[in-house]
Protein backbone atom coordinates (compact mmCIF):
# COMPACT_ATOMS: atom_id res chain seq x y z
CA MET A 1 0.00 0.00 0.00
CA GLU A 2 1.24 3.48 -0.83
CA ILE A 3 1.80 5.55 2.30
CA ALA A 4 2.51 9.24 1.69
CA LEU A 5 4.15 10.98 4.62
CA ASN A 6 4.09 14.77 4.74
CA GLY A 7 7.11 15.91 6.70
CA SER A 8 6.31 19.62 6.68
CA ASN A 9 6.15 19.66 10.50
CA TRP A 10 9.03 17.29 11.25
CA GLN A 11 11.64 18.95 13.44
CA THR A 12 13.12 15.88 15.19
CA GLU A 13 13.71 12.19 14.67
CA ALA A 14 10.81 11.55 17.05
CA ASP A 15 8.51 13.60 14.79
CA PHE A 16 9.60 11.50 11.81
CA ILE A 17 9.02 8.20 13.62
CA GLU A 18 5.59 9.41 14.77
CA GLY A 19 4.81 10.19 11.13
CA VAL A 20 5.76 6.68 10.04
CA LEU A 21 3.68 5.16 12.85
CA ALA A 22 0.66 7.30 11.99
CA GLY A 23 1.05 6.34 8.32
CA VAL A 24 0.76 2.62 9.08
CA GLN A 25 -1.89 3.15 11.77
CA ALA A 26 0.31 1.72 14.51
CA PRO A 27 -1.30 1.06 17.90
CA SER A 28 -0.63 3.54 20.70
CA TRP A 29 1.59 1.03 22.52
CA HIS A 30 3.96 0.65 19.53
CA GLY A 31 7.62 1.30 20.37
CA ARG A 32 9.14 4.55 19.14
CA ASN A 33 12.44 3.19 17.78
CA TYR A 34 13.82 1.43 14.72
CA ASN A 35 13.81 -2.04 16.31
CA ALA A 36 10.08 -1.72 16.96
CA LEU A 37 9.55 -0.36 13.44
CA ARG A 38 11.37 -3.35 12.02
CA ASP A 39 9.13 -5.72 13.95
CA SER A 40 5.92 -4.15 12.74
CA LEU A 41 6.99 -3.29 9.17
CA VAL A 42 8.84 -6.53 8.39
CA VAL A 43 7.05 -9.13 10.49
CA GLY A 44 3.62 -7.51 10.40
CA GLY A 45 0.52 -8.35 12.39
CA ILE A 46 0.74 -5.18 14.49
CA ASN A 47 -0.43 -2.15 12.49
CA GLY A 48 -3.82 -1.17 11.13
CA ILE A 49 -2.32 -1.22 7.63
CA GLU A 50 -0.30 -4.31 6.79
CA PRO A 51 2.53 -4.87 4.25
CA PRO A 52 3.37 -4.36 1.51
CA TYR A 53 4.33 -0.77 2.22
CA ASP A 54 5.47 1.82 -0.31
CA PHE A 55 6.53 4.89 1.68
CA ILE A 56 6.65 8.21 -0.13
CA LEU A 57 8.44 10.74 2.05
CA ARG A 58 7.96 14.46 1.53
CA MET A 59 10.73 16.30 3.34
CA PRO A 60 10.26 19.64 5.08
CA THR A 61 11.23 22.67 3.00
CA SER A 62 14.23 23.33 5.26
CA PRO A 63 14.79 20.10 7.17
CA THR A 64 16.86 20.02 10.33
CA SER A 65 19.98 17.90 10.22
CA GLU A 66 18.28 15.57 12.73
CA VAL A 67 15.39 14.97 10.32
CA GLU A 68 17.75 14.52 7.37
CA ASP A 69 19.72 11.94 9.35
CA ALA A 70 16.54 10.14 10.49
CA VAL A 71 15.17 9.90 6.96
CA ARG A 72 18.52 8.69 5.60
CA TYR A 73 18.75 6.08 8.37
CA PHE A 74 15.18 4.92 7.71
CA MET A 75 15.86 4.64 3.97
CA ASP A 76 18.97 2.56 4.70
CA ARG A 77 17.00 0.30 7.06
CA VAL A 78 14.26 -0.15 4.46
CA SER A 79 16.93 -1.24 2.00
CA ASP A 80 18.31 -3.71 4.56
CA TRP A 81 14.84 -5.04 5.38
CA ARG A 82 14.04 -5.47 1.68
CA ALA A 83 17.22 -7.54 1.38
CA GLU A 84 15.75 -9.76 4.12
CA GLY A 85 12.66 -10.25 1.95
CA ALA A 86 10.36 -7.61 3.45
CA ALA A 87 7.64 -6.21 1.22
CA LEU A 88 8.40 -2.53 1.59
CA SER A 89 10.03 0.36 -0.20
CA ALA A 90 10.70 4.04 0.50
CA ARG A 91 11.42 6.99 -1.73
CA LEU A 92 11.55 10.75 -1.51
CA ALA A 93 8.81 12.75 -3.19
C-alpha cells in the first residue's frame, strides 16, 4: 500500500518516527524506535495497515539535520529489510 508521509512539520527524529507510525496506523503502545519499526513493518501483524508498504516521504522545506539523518537512516533500514525479503520500499517525493 502506498503511504505518503508529509514531513512539513518534522523537526526531530521523534517527529519523523511518529509520522511513520501514523502512516501505518500503529497502535498507541507501539515502540518509538527502529527495532520496533522493524518488527511491525517486516514481520507484520501489528499495524492497522499491513505490508506491503510503499513509503513516499515528503521532506520539510528546510529540514533540520536531525530529520535529514533520520530519513537517511530509515531509507537505509528499508533497503536492509528489503534484502531480508520484506515487502516494503521508501522513496523521496
